[in-house]
Amino acid sequence: MSMVNKTILVVDDEPRTRQGIKQTLEQWAAGRYTVETAENGVEARERLLKERFHLLITDVRMPQVSGLELIRSLSAVHRKPAVIVISGYAEFTYVQQALQLGAFNYLLKPLDKAELLRVAEEALKHEEEGQRREKLEKLVDHRLLEIDPDQPVMGEAVREALAYVEGHLGDQLTMAEVAGRLHLNASYFSVLFKEQTGLPFSEYLTRLRLQRAKELLLNSRLSVAEIGESVGYRTDKYFIKVFKEHEGVSPSRYRQRISDQADNIQ
């Protein structure tokens, strides 16, 4: 996991605890990320609404704005940090509330340094995975998700067609070819496929190719031409044309946009 440019906010109204956590994390991080502090919930809330933090470590009980109120205020934050709450044994009811509000974990006072570092690392991984899922969610074609080969209405022929297309997406597929492999008349197969999937075969194939292309634009360094070829387009010019018609931007611009979002997430 890359820690570059990640930022942790430590909030505690006790200076000794606050600085102790900061020092422990900074020694462990060795410059991999930034550790900042806030001396009360009021200051922390203002900063959380304006700045990007990946991990919030907060005392659960503070004057004016408590740790619980601080966690509730995260509902107004677009990219929420993972949250670790700090409490004493007598405050466990507050901890339970914090966990119900979405806190990742809790630490009991007096803090154990090894446990602090272990939980902080787990929380950062959790936050990063959450951001990754959020990015992938933006890539998903929900119309394709509605097609479930295991549905009772899905016949064996269409199941085989879906599997074949999935495994040969880079080939120059045609409906006639797929129907022929299933020993079916092309016209009959066309009606059957649309009835059972809800999509015409050509639209399904295009959606699937573009879905795979978007995944490669995000997760690989292949050129636009290489990606187009790998998902079945003979020329990059035609691939760019189809991609732009469906996504509103060119593949290279789409990749840049995703990259910019990823930089912001970091």
C-alpha atoms as a PDB file:
ATOM      1  CA  MET A   1       0.000   0.000   0.000  1.00  0.00           C
ATOM      2  CA  SER A   2       1.351   3.407  -0.924  1.00  0.00           C
ATOM      3  CA  MET A   3       1.374   5.892   1.913  1.00  0.00           C
ATOM      4  CA  VAL A   4       2.626   8.810  -0.181  1.00  0.00           C
ATOM      5  CA  ASN A   5       0.716  12.029   0.504  1.00  0.00           C
ATOM      6  CA  LYS A   6      -1.625  10.342   2.961  1.00  0.00           C
ATOM      7  CA  THR A   7      -2.510  12.475   5.964  1.00  0.00           C
ATOM      8  CA  ILE A   8      -3.578  11.532   9.486  1.00  0.00           C
ATOM      9  CA  LEU A   9      -5.363  13.910  11.849  1.00  0.00           C
ATOM     10  CA  VAL A  10      -4.928  13.303  15.591  1.00  0.00           C
ATOM     11  CA  VAL A  11      -7.502  15.000  17.821  1.00  0.00           C
ATOM     12  CA  ASP A  12      -7.193  15.062  21.610  1.00  0.00           C
ATOM     13  CA  ASP A  13      -7.643  17.853  24.130  1.00  0.00           C
ATOM     14  CA  GLU A  14      -4.789  16.438  26.235  1.00  0.00           C
ATOM     15  CA  PRO A  15      -1.512  17.854  24.808  1.00  0.00           C
ATOM     16  CA  ARG A  16       0.618  15.006  26.117  1.00  0.00           C
ATOM     17  CA  THR A  17      -1.557  12.305  24.520  1.00  0.00           C
ATOM     18  CA  ARG A  18      -1.909  14.268  21.287  1.00  0.00           C
ATOM     19  CA  GLN A  19       1.818  14.856  20.859  1.00  0.00           C
ATOM     20  CA  GLY A  20       2.663  11.320  21.969  1.00  0.00           C
ATOM     21  CA  ILE A  21       0.497   9.817  19.241  1.00  0.00           C
ATOM     22  CA  LYS A  22       1.900  12.229  16.659  1.00  0.00           C
ATOM     23  CA  GLN A  23       5.493  11.414  17.579  1.00  0.00           C
ATOM     24  CA  THR A  24       4.894   7.647  17.558  1.00  0.00           C
ATOM     25  CA  LEU A  25       3.250   7.756  14.144  1.00  0.00           C
ATOM     26  CA  GLU A  26       5.867  10.056  12.633  1.00  0.00           C
ATOM     27  CA  GLN A  27       8.741   7.844  13.781  1.00  0.00           C
ATOM     28  CA  TRP A  28       7.016   4.809  12.308  1.00  0.00           C
ATOM     29  CA  ALA A  29       6.008   6.530   9.066  1.00  0.00           C
ATOM     30  CA  ALA A  30       9.526   7.867   8.380  1.00  0.00           C
ATOM     31  CA  GLY A  31       8.139  10.523   6.034  1.00  0.00           C
ATOM     32  CA  ARG A  32       5.719   8.274   4.168  1.00  0.00           C
ATOM     33  CA  TYR A  33       2.763  10.405   5.219  1.00  0.00           C
ATOM     34  CA  THR A  34       1.901  13.492   7.221  1.00  0.00           C
ATOM     35  CA  VAL A  35       0.627  13.504  10.799  1.00  0.00           C
ATOM     36  CA  GLU A  36      -1.259  16.624  11.871  1.00  0.00           C
ATOM     37  CA  THR A  37      -3.033  17.484  15.105  1.00  0.00           C
ATOM     38  CA  ALA A  38      -6.019  19.411  16.383  1.00  0.00           C
ATOM     39  CA  GLU A  39      -6.421  20.294  20.055  1.00  0.00           C
ATOM     40  CA  ASN A  40     -10.215  20.111  20.117  1.00  0.00           C
ATOM     41  CA  GLY A  41     -13.248  18.932  18.173  1.00  0.00           C
ATOM     42  CA  VAL A  42     -14.183  22.411  16.967  1.00  0.00           C
ATOM     43  CA  GLU A  43     -10.863  22.888  15.182  1.00  0.00           C
ATOM     44  CA  ALA A  44     -10.921  19.310  13.875  1.00  0.00           C
ATOM     45  CA  ARG A  45     -14.423  19.636  12.449  1.00  0.00           C
ATOM     46  CA  GLU A  46     -13.520  22.798  10.553  1.00  0.00           C
ATOM     47  CA  ARG A  47     -10.434  21.165   9.079  1.00  0.00           C
ATOM     48  CA  LEU A  48     -12.216  17.947   8.138  1.00  0.00           C
ATOM     49  CA  LEU A  49     -14.763  19.915   6.140  1.00  0.00           C
ATOM     50  CA  LYS A  50     -12.042  21.791   4.224  1.00  0.00           C
ATOM     51  CA  GLU A  51      -9.085  19.413   3.959  1.00  0.00           C
ATOM     52  CA  ARG A  52      -8.548  15.828   2.849  1.00  0.00           C
ATOM     53  CA  PHE A  53      -7.578  13.339   5.567  1.00  0.00           C
ATOM     54  CA  HIS A  54      -7.219   9.592   5.207  1.00  0.00           C
ATOM     55  CA  LEU A  55      -7.287   8.660   8.883  1.00  0.00           C
ATOM     56  CA  LEU A  56      -8.847  10.387  11.880  1.00  0.00           C
ATOM     57  CA  ILE A  57      -7.707   9.379  15.363  1.00  0.00           C
ATOM     58  CA  THR A  58      -9.876  11.102  17.939  1.00  0.00           C
ATOM     59  CA  ASP A  59     -10.555  11.036  21.651  1.00  0.00           C
ATOM     60  CA  VAL A  60     -14.168  10.064  22.195  1.00  0.00           C
ATOM     61  CA  ARG A  61     -14.812  12.594  24.973  1.00  0.00           C
ATOM     62  CA  MET A  62     -13.840  16.231  24.486  1.00  0.00           C
ATOM     63  CA  PRO A  63     -15.430  19.547  25.488  1.00  0.00           C
ATOM     64  CA  GLN A  64     -17.605  21.482  23.024  1.00  0.00           C
ATOM     65  CA  VAL A  65     -17.448  18.940  20.167  1.00  0.00           C
ATOM     66  CA  SER A  66     -17.007  15.317  21.204  1.00  0.00           C
ATOM     67  CA  GLY A  67     -15.482  12.541  19.161  1.00  0.00           C
ATOM     68  CA  LEU A  68     -18.980  11.228  18.460  1.00  0.00           C
ATOM     69  CA  GLU A  69     -20.109  14.599  17.120  1.00  0.00           C
ATOM     70  CA  LEU A  70     -16.950  14.746  15.044  1.00  0.00           C
ATOM     71  CA  ILE A  71     -17.736  11.384  13.447  1.00  0.00           C
ATOM     72  CA  ARG A  72     -21.314  12.487  12.753  1.00  0.00           C
ATOM     73  CA  SER A  73     -20.000  15.597  10.987  1.00  0.00           C
ATOM     74  CA  LEU A  74     -18.219  13.333   8.468  1.00  0.00           C
ATOM     75  CA  SER A  75     -21.580  12.789   6.765  1.00  0.00           C
ATOM     76  CA  ALA A  76     -20.897  16.122   5.048  1.00  0.00           C
ATOM     77  CA  VAL A  77     -17.451  14.988   3.856  1.00  0.00           C
ATOM     78  CA  HIS A  78     -17.255  13.527   0.340  1.00  0.00           C
ATOM     79  CA  ARG A  79     -14.237  11.290   0.919  1.00  0.00           C
ATOM     80  CA  LYS A  80     -14.439  10.146   4.489  1.00  0.00           C
ATOM     81  CA  PRO A  81     -11.344   9.142   6.448  1.00  0.00           C
ATOM     82  CA  ALA A  82     -11.125   5.908   8.388  1.00  0.00           C
ATOM     83  CA  VAL A  83     -11.757   6.609  12.069  1.00  0.00           C
ATOM     84  CA  ILE A  84     -10.073   5.272  15.198  1.00  0.00           C
ATOM     85  CA  VAL A  85     -11.493   6.391  18.538  1.00  0.00           C
ATOM     86  CA  ILE A  86      -9.597   6.603  21.813  1.00  0.00           C
ATOM     87  CA  SER A  87     -11.321   6.040  25.127  1.00  0.00           C
ATOM     88  CA  GLY A  88     -10.973   4.968  28.729  1.00  0.00           C
ATOM     89  CA  TYR A  89     -12.560   1.786  30.073  1.00  0.00           C
ATOM     90  CA  ALA A  90     -15.392   3.750  31.681  1.00  0.00           C
ATOM     91  CA  GLU A  91     -16.383   5.227  28.295  1.00  0.00           C
ATOM     92  CA  PHE A  92     -17.065   1.993  26.422  1.00  0.00           C
ATOM     93  CA  THR A  93     -20.692   3.001  25.770  1.00  0.00           C
ATOM     94  CA  TYR A  94     -19.326   5.902  23.725  1.00  0.00           C
ATOM     95  CA  VAL A  95     -17.073   3.496  21.840  1.00  0.00           C
ATOM     96  CA  GLN A  96     -20.051   1.337  20.914  1.00  0.00           C
ATOM     97  CA  GLN A  97     -21.826   4.403  19.559  1.00  0.00           C
ATOM     98  CA  ALA A  98     -18.723   5.375  17.599  1.00  0.00           C
ATOM     99  CA  LEU A  99     -18.550   1.919  16.014  1.00  0.00           C
ATOM    100  CA  GLN A 100     -22.222   2.169  15.092  1.00  0.00           C
ATOM    101  CA  LEU A 101     -21.440   5.488  13.407  1.00  0.00           C
ATOM    102  CA  GLY A 102     -18.802   3.818  11.260  1.00  0.00           C
ATOM    103  CA  ALA A 103     -15.572   4.030  13.257  1.00  0.00           C
ATOM    104  CA  PHE A 104     -13.061   1.408  12.095  1.00  0.00           C
ATOM    105  CA  ASN A 105     -11.700   0.482  15.524  1.00  0.00           C
ATOM    106  CA  TYR A 106     -10.926   1.806  18.997  1.00  0.00           C
ATOM    107  CA  LEU A 107      -7.965   2.061  21.354  1.00  0.00           C
ATOM    108  CA  LEU A 108      -8.121   2.048  25.147  1.00  0.00           C
ATOM    109  CA  LYS A 109      -6.071   4.344  27.346  1.00  0.00           C
ATOM    110  CA  PRO A 110      -3.273   4.119  28.254  1.00  0.00           C
ATOM    111  CA  LEU A 111      -2.283   3.574  24.637  1.00  0.00           C
ATOM    112  CA  ASP A 112       0.017   0.736  23.669  1.00  0.00           C
ATOM    113  CA  LYS A 113       2.381   1.933  20.901  1.00  0.00           C
ATOM    114  CA  ALA A 114       2.511  -1.388  19.081  1.00  0.00           C
ATOM    115  CA  GLU A 115      -1.283  -1.639  19.058  1.00  0.00           C
ATOM    116  CA  LEU A 116      -1.593   1.964  17.882  1.00  0.00           C
ATOM    117  CA  LEU A 117       0.645   1.279  14.893  1.00  0.00           C
ATOM    118  CA  ARG A 118      -1.079  -2.003  14.049  1.00  0.00           C
ATOM    119  CA  VAL A 119      -4.568  -0.516  14.136  1.00  0.00           C
ATOM    120  CA  ALA A 120      -3.474   2.618  12.248  1.00  0.00           C
ATOM    121  CA  GLU A 121      -1.985   0.531   9.444  1.00  0.00           C
ATOM    122  CA  GLU A 122      -5.118  -1.613   9.206  1.00  0.00           C
ATOM    123  CA  ALA A 123      -7.308   1.491   9.124  1.00  0.00           C
ATOM    124  CA  LEU A 124      -5.255   3.056   6.320  1.00  0.00           C
ATOM    125  CA  LYS A 125      -5.543  -0.136   4.282  1.00  0.00           C
ATOM    126  CA  HIS A 126      -9.287  -0.166   4.930  1.00  0.00           C
ATOM    127  CA  GLU A 127      -9.604   3.448   3.782  1.00  0.00           C
ATOM    128  CA  GLU A 128      -7.594   2.786   0.634  1.00  0.00           C
ATOM    129  CA  GLU A 129      -9.678  -0.258  -0.235  1.00  0.00           C
ATOM    130  CA  GLY A 130     -12.838   1.777   0.257  1.00  0.00           C
ATOM    131  CA  GLN A 131     -11.593   4.418  -2.164  1.00  0.00           C
ATOM    132  CA  ARG A 132     -10.632   1.721  -4.661  1.00  0.00           C
ATOM    133  CA  ARG A 133     -14.117   0.255  -4.487  1.00  0.00           C
ATOM    134  CA  GLU A 134     -15.595   3.706  -4.973  1.00  0.00           C
ATOM    135  CA  LYS A 135     -13.543   4.224  -8.118  1.00  0.00           C
ATOM    136  CA  LEU A 136     -14.445   0.809  -9.487  1.00  0.00           C
ATOM    137  CA  GLU A 137     -18.114   1.475  -8.798  1.00  0.00           C
ATOM    138  CA  LYS A 138     -17.911   4.381 -11.218  1.00  0.00           C
ATOM    139  CA  LEU A 139     -16.648   2.025 -13.906  1.00  0.00           C
ATOM    140  CA  VAL A 140     -19.383  -0.562 -13.573  1.00  0.00           C
ATOM    141  CA  ASP A 141     -22.043  -0.891 -16.252  1.00  0.00           C
ATOM    142  CA  HIS A 142     -25.056  -1.686 -14.101  1.00  0.00           C
ATOM    143  CA  ARG A 143     -26.966  -2.888 -17.142  1.00  0.00           C
ATOM    144  CA  LEU A 144     -24.423  -5.687 -17.485  1.00  0.00           C
ATOM    145  CA  LEU A 145     -24.711  -6.512 -13.792  1.00  0.00           C
ATOM    146  CA  GLU A 146     -28.394  -7.260 -14.319  1.00  0.00           C
ATOM    147  CA  ILE A 147     -27.459 -10.165 -16.603  1.00  0.00           C
ATOM    148  CA  ASP A 148     -27.058 -13.200 -14.356  1.00  0.00           C
ATOM    149  CA  PRO A 149     -26.227 -16.486 -16.118  1.00  0.00           C
ATOM    150  CA  ASP A 150     -27.516 -18.387 -13.084  1.00  0.00           C
ATOM    151  CA  GLN A 151     -31.039 -17.018 -13.375  1.00  0.00           C
ATOM    152  CA  PRO A 152     -33.636 -19.764 -13.990  1.00  0.00           C
ATOM    153  CA  VAL A 153     -34.880 -17.951 -17.120  1.00  0.00           C
ATOM    154  CA  MET A 154     -31.430 -18.190 -18.697  1.00  0.00           C
ATOM    155  CA  GLY A 155     -31.226 -21.087 -21.122  1.00  0.00           C
ATOM    156  CA  GLU A 156     -28.144 -23.195 -21.713  1.00  0.00           C
ATOM    157  CA  ALA A 157     -27.539 -21.714 -25.169  1.00  0.00           C
ATOM    158  CA  VAL A 158     -27.434 -18.146 -23.888  1.00  0.00           C
ATOM    159  CA  ARG A 159     -25.255 -19.187 -20.938  1.00  0.00           C
ATOM    160  CA  GLU A 160     -22.786 -20.724 -23.380  1.00  0.00           C
ATOM    161  CA  ALA A 161     -22.910 -17.603 -25.537  1.00  0.00           C
ATOM    162  CA  LEU A 162     -22.132 -15.337 -22.586  1.00  0.00           C
ATOM    163  CA  ALA A 163     -19.212 -17.523 -21.552  1.00  0.00           C
ATOM    164  CA  TYR A 164     -17.857 -17.670 -25.093  1.00  0.00           C
ATOM    165  CA  VAL A 165     -18.035 -13.919 -25.591  1.00  0.00           C
ATOM    166  CA  GLU A 166     -16.370 -13.326 -22.216  1.00  0.00           C
ATOM    167  CA  GLY A 167     -13.488 -15.585 -23.179  1.00  0.00           C
ATOM    168  CA  HIS A 168     -13.045 -14.291 -26.736  1.00  0.00           C
ATOM    169  CA  LEU A 169     -13.655 -10.587 -26.317  1.00  0.00           C
ATOM    170  CA  GLY A 170     -10.499  -9.698 -28.245  1.00  0.00           C
ATOM    171  CA  ASP A 171     -11.631 -11.666 -31.289  1.00  0.00           C
ATOM    172  CA  GLN A 172     -13.631 -10.245 -34.185  1.00  0.00           C
ATOM    173  CA  LEU A 173     -16.912 -11.623 -32.877  1.00  0.00           C
ATOM    174  CA  THR A 174     -20.183 -11.524 -34.773  1.00  0.00           C
ATOM    175  CA  MET A 175     -23.601 -12.704 -33.746  1.00  0.00           C
ATOM    176  CA  ALA A 176     -23.674 -15.121 -36.684  1.00  0.00           C
ATOM    177  CA  GLU A 177     -20.392 -16.672 -35.563  1.00  0.00           C
ATOM    178  CA  VAL A 178     -21.545 -17.138 -31.966  1.00  0.00           C
ATOM    179  CA  ALA A 179     -24.893 -18.555 -33.113  1.00  0.00           C
ATOM    180  CA  GLY A 180     -23.080 -20.940 -35.452  1.00  0.00           C
ATOM    181  CA  ARG A 181     -20.907 -22.247 -32.615  1.00  0.00           C
ATOM    182  CA  LEU A 182     -24.095 -23.035 -30.740  1.00  0.00           C
ATOM    183  CA  HIS A 183     -25.615 -24.676 -33.849  1.00  0.00           C
ATOM    184  CA  LEU A 184     -28.440 -22.159 -33.865  1.00  0.00           C
ATOM    185  CA  ASN A 185     -30.015 -20.065 -36.593  1.00  0.00           C
ATOM    186  CA  ALA A 186     -28.743 -16.479 -36.264  1.00  0.00           C
ATOM    187  CA  SER A 187     -32.239 -14.936 -36.312  1.00  0.00           C
ATOM    188  CA  TYR A 188     -33.496 -17.349 -33.674  1.00  0.00           C
ATOM    189  CA  PHE A 189     -30.406 -16.767 -31.536  1.00  0.00           C
ATOM    190  CA  SER A 190     -30.909 -12.992 -31.804  1.00  0.00           C
ATOM    191  CA  VAL A 191     -34.454 -13.231 -30.428  1.00  0.00           C
ATOM    192  CA  LEU A 192     -33.447 -15.748 -27.764  1.00  0.00           C
ATOM    193  CA  PHE A 193     -30.516 -13.638 -26.548  1.00  0.00           C
ATOM    194  CA  LYS A 194     -32.555 -10.457 -26.211  1.00  0.00           C
ATOM    195  CA  GLU A 195     -35.422 -12.261 -24.468  1.00  0.00           C
ATOM    196  CA  GLN A 196     -33.151 -13.766 -21.839  1.00  0.00           C
ATOM    197  CA  THR A 197     -30.647 -10.932 -21.282  1.00  0.00           C
ATOM    198  CA  GLY A 198     -32.776  -7.884 -22.033  1.00  0.00           C
ATOM    199  CA  LEU A 199     -30.170  -6.583 -24.483  1.00  0.00           C
ATOM    200  CA  PRO A 200     -29.601  -7.073 -28.197  1.00  0.00           C
ATOM    201  CA  PHE A 201     -26.442  -9.097 -28.816  1.00  0.00           C
ATOM    202  CA  SER A 202     -24.617  -6.187 -30.486  1.00  0.00           C
ATOM    203  CA  GLU A 203     -25.353  -3.830 -27.579  1.00  0.00           C
ATOM    204  CA  TYR A 204     -24.247  -6.431 -25.053  1.00  0.00           C
ATOM    205  CA  LEU A 205     -20.982  -6.958 -26.926  1.00  0.00           C
ATOM    206  CA  THR A 206     -20.289  -3.218 -27.123  1.00  0.00           C
ATOM    207  CA  ARG A 207     -21.083  -2.657 -23.452  1.00  0.00           C
ATOM    208  CA  LEU A 208     -18.848  -5.535 -22.410  1.00  0.00           C
ATOM    209  CA  ARG A 209     -15.970  -4.336 -24.578  1.00  0.00           C
ATOM    210  CA  LEU A 210     -16.203  -0.813 -23.215  1.00  0.00           C
ATOM    211  CA  GLN A 211     -16.456  -2.127 -19.641  1.00  0.00           C
ATOM    212  CA  ARG A 212     -13.242  -4.110 -20.124  1.00  0.00           C
ATOM    213  CA  ALA A 213     -11.592  -1.140 -21.833  1.00  0.00           C
ATOM    214  CA  LYS A 214     -12.386   1.145 -18.892  1.00  0.00           C
ATOM    215  CA  GLU A 215     -10.905  -1.374 -16.487  1.00  0.00           C
ATOM    216  CA  LEU A 216      -7.703  -1.491 -18.540  1.00  0.00           C
ATOM    217  CA  LEU A 217      -7.541   2.298 -18.788  1.00  0.00           C
ATOM    218  CA  LEU A 218      -7.635   2.431 -14.995  1.00  0.00           C
ATOM    219  CA  ASN A 219      -5.477  -0.551 -14.110  1.00  0.00           C
ATOM    220  CA  SER A 220      -2.877  -0.838 -16.874  1.00  0.00           C
ATOM    221  CA  ARG A 221      -0.330   1.229 -18.762  1.00  0.00           C
ATOM    222  CA  LEU A 222      -1.328  -0.170 -22.138  1.00  0.00           C
ATOM    223  CA  SER A 223      -1.732   2.414 -24.875  1.00  0.00           C
ATOM    224  CA  VAL A 224      -5.201   3.313 -26.140  1.00  0.00           C
ATOM    225  CA  ALA A 225      -4.476   1.388 -29.342  1.00  0.00           C
ATOM    226  CA  GLU A 226      -3.385  -1.707 -27.411  1.00  0.00           C
ATOM    227  CA  ILE A 227      -6.477  -1.564 -25.220  1.00  0.00           C
ATOM    228  CA  GLY A 228      -8.756  -1.171 -28.222  1.00  0.00           C
ATOM    229  CA  GLU A 229      -7.159  -4.174 -29.910  1.00  0.00           C
ATOM    230  CA  SER A 230      -7.341  -6.284 -26.746  1.00  0.00           C
ATOM    231  CA  VAL A 231     -11.116  -5.794 -26.505  1.00  0.00           C
ATOM    232  CA  GLY A 232     -11.808  -6.534 -30.154  1.00  0.00           C
ATOM    233  CA  TYR A 233     -11.514  -3.294 -32.127  1.00  0.00           C
ATOM    234  CA  ARG A 234      -9.462  -3.547 -35.306  1.00  0.00           C
ATOM    235  CA  THR A 235      -8.339   0.078 -35.338  1.00  0.00           C
ATOM    236  CA  ASP A 236      -7.735   2.594 -32.567  1.00  0.00           C
ATOM    237  CA  LYS A 237      -9.669   5.165 -34.613  1.00  0.00           C
ATOM    238  CA  TYR A 238     -12.837   3.063 -34.491  1.00  0.00           C
ATOM    239  CA  PHE A 239     -12.296   2.219 -30.829  1.00  0.00           C
ATOM    240  CA  ILE A 240     -11.971   5.919 -29.952  1.00  0.00           C
ATOM    241  CA  LYS A 241     -15.106   6.712 -31.967  1.00  0.00           C
ATOM    242  CA  VAL A 242     -17.228   4.058 -30.197  1.00  0.00           C
ATOM    243  CA  PHE A 243     -15.819   4.925 -26.772  1.00  0.00           C
ATOM    244  CA  LYS A 244     -16.547   8.627 -27.225  1.00  0.00           C
ATOM    245  CA  GLU A 245     -20.090   7.933 -28.447  1.00  0.00           C
ATOM    246  CA  HIS A 246     -20.886   6.015 -25.258  1.00  0.00           C
ATOM    247  CA  GLU A 247     -18.775   7.787 -22.621  1.00  0.00           C
ATOM    248  CA  GLY A 248     -18.791  11.342 -23.957  1.00  0.00           C
ATOM    249  CA  VAL A 249     -14.991  11.610 -23.860  1.00  0.00           C
ATOM    250  CA  SER A 250     -12.077   9.943 -25.611  1.00  0.00           C
ATOM    251  CA  PRO A 251     -10.299   6.996 -23.936  1.00  0.00           C
ATOM    252  CA  SER A 252      -7.216   9.124 -23.220  1.00  0.00           C
ATOM    253  CA  ARG A 253      -9.302  11.871 -21.636  1.00  0.00           C
ATOM    254  CA  TYR A 254     -11.214   9.272 -19.623  1.00  0.00           C
ATOM    255  CA  ARG A 255      -7.935   7.827 -18.357  1.00  0.00           C
ATOM    256  CA  GLN A 256      -6.674  11.286 -17.426  1.00  0.00           C
ATOM    257  CA  ARG A 257      -9.866  12.037 -15.542  1.00  0.00           C
ATOM    258  CA  ILE A 258      -9.609   8.782 -13.584  1.00  0.00           C
ATOM    259  CA  SER A 259      -5.935   9.482 -12.895  1.00  0.00           C
ATOM    260  CA  ASP A 260      -6.743  12.956 -11.579  1.00  0.00           C
ATOM    261  CA  GLN A 261      -9.357  11.469  -9.244  1.00  0.00           C
ATOM    262  CA  ALA A 262      -6.837   8.913  -8.031  1.00  0.00           C
ATOM    263  CA  ASP A 263      -4.321  11.686  -7.279  1.00  0.00           C
ATOM    264  CA  ASN A 264      -6.965  13.494  -5.264  1.00  0.00           C
ATOM    265  CA  ILE A 265      -7.756  10.323  -3.356  1.00  0.00           C
ATOM    266  CA  GLN A 266      -4.145   9.897  -2.389  1.00  0.00           C
END
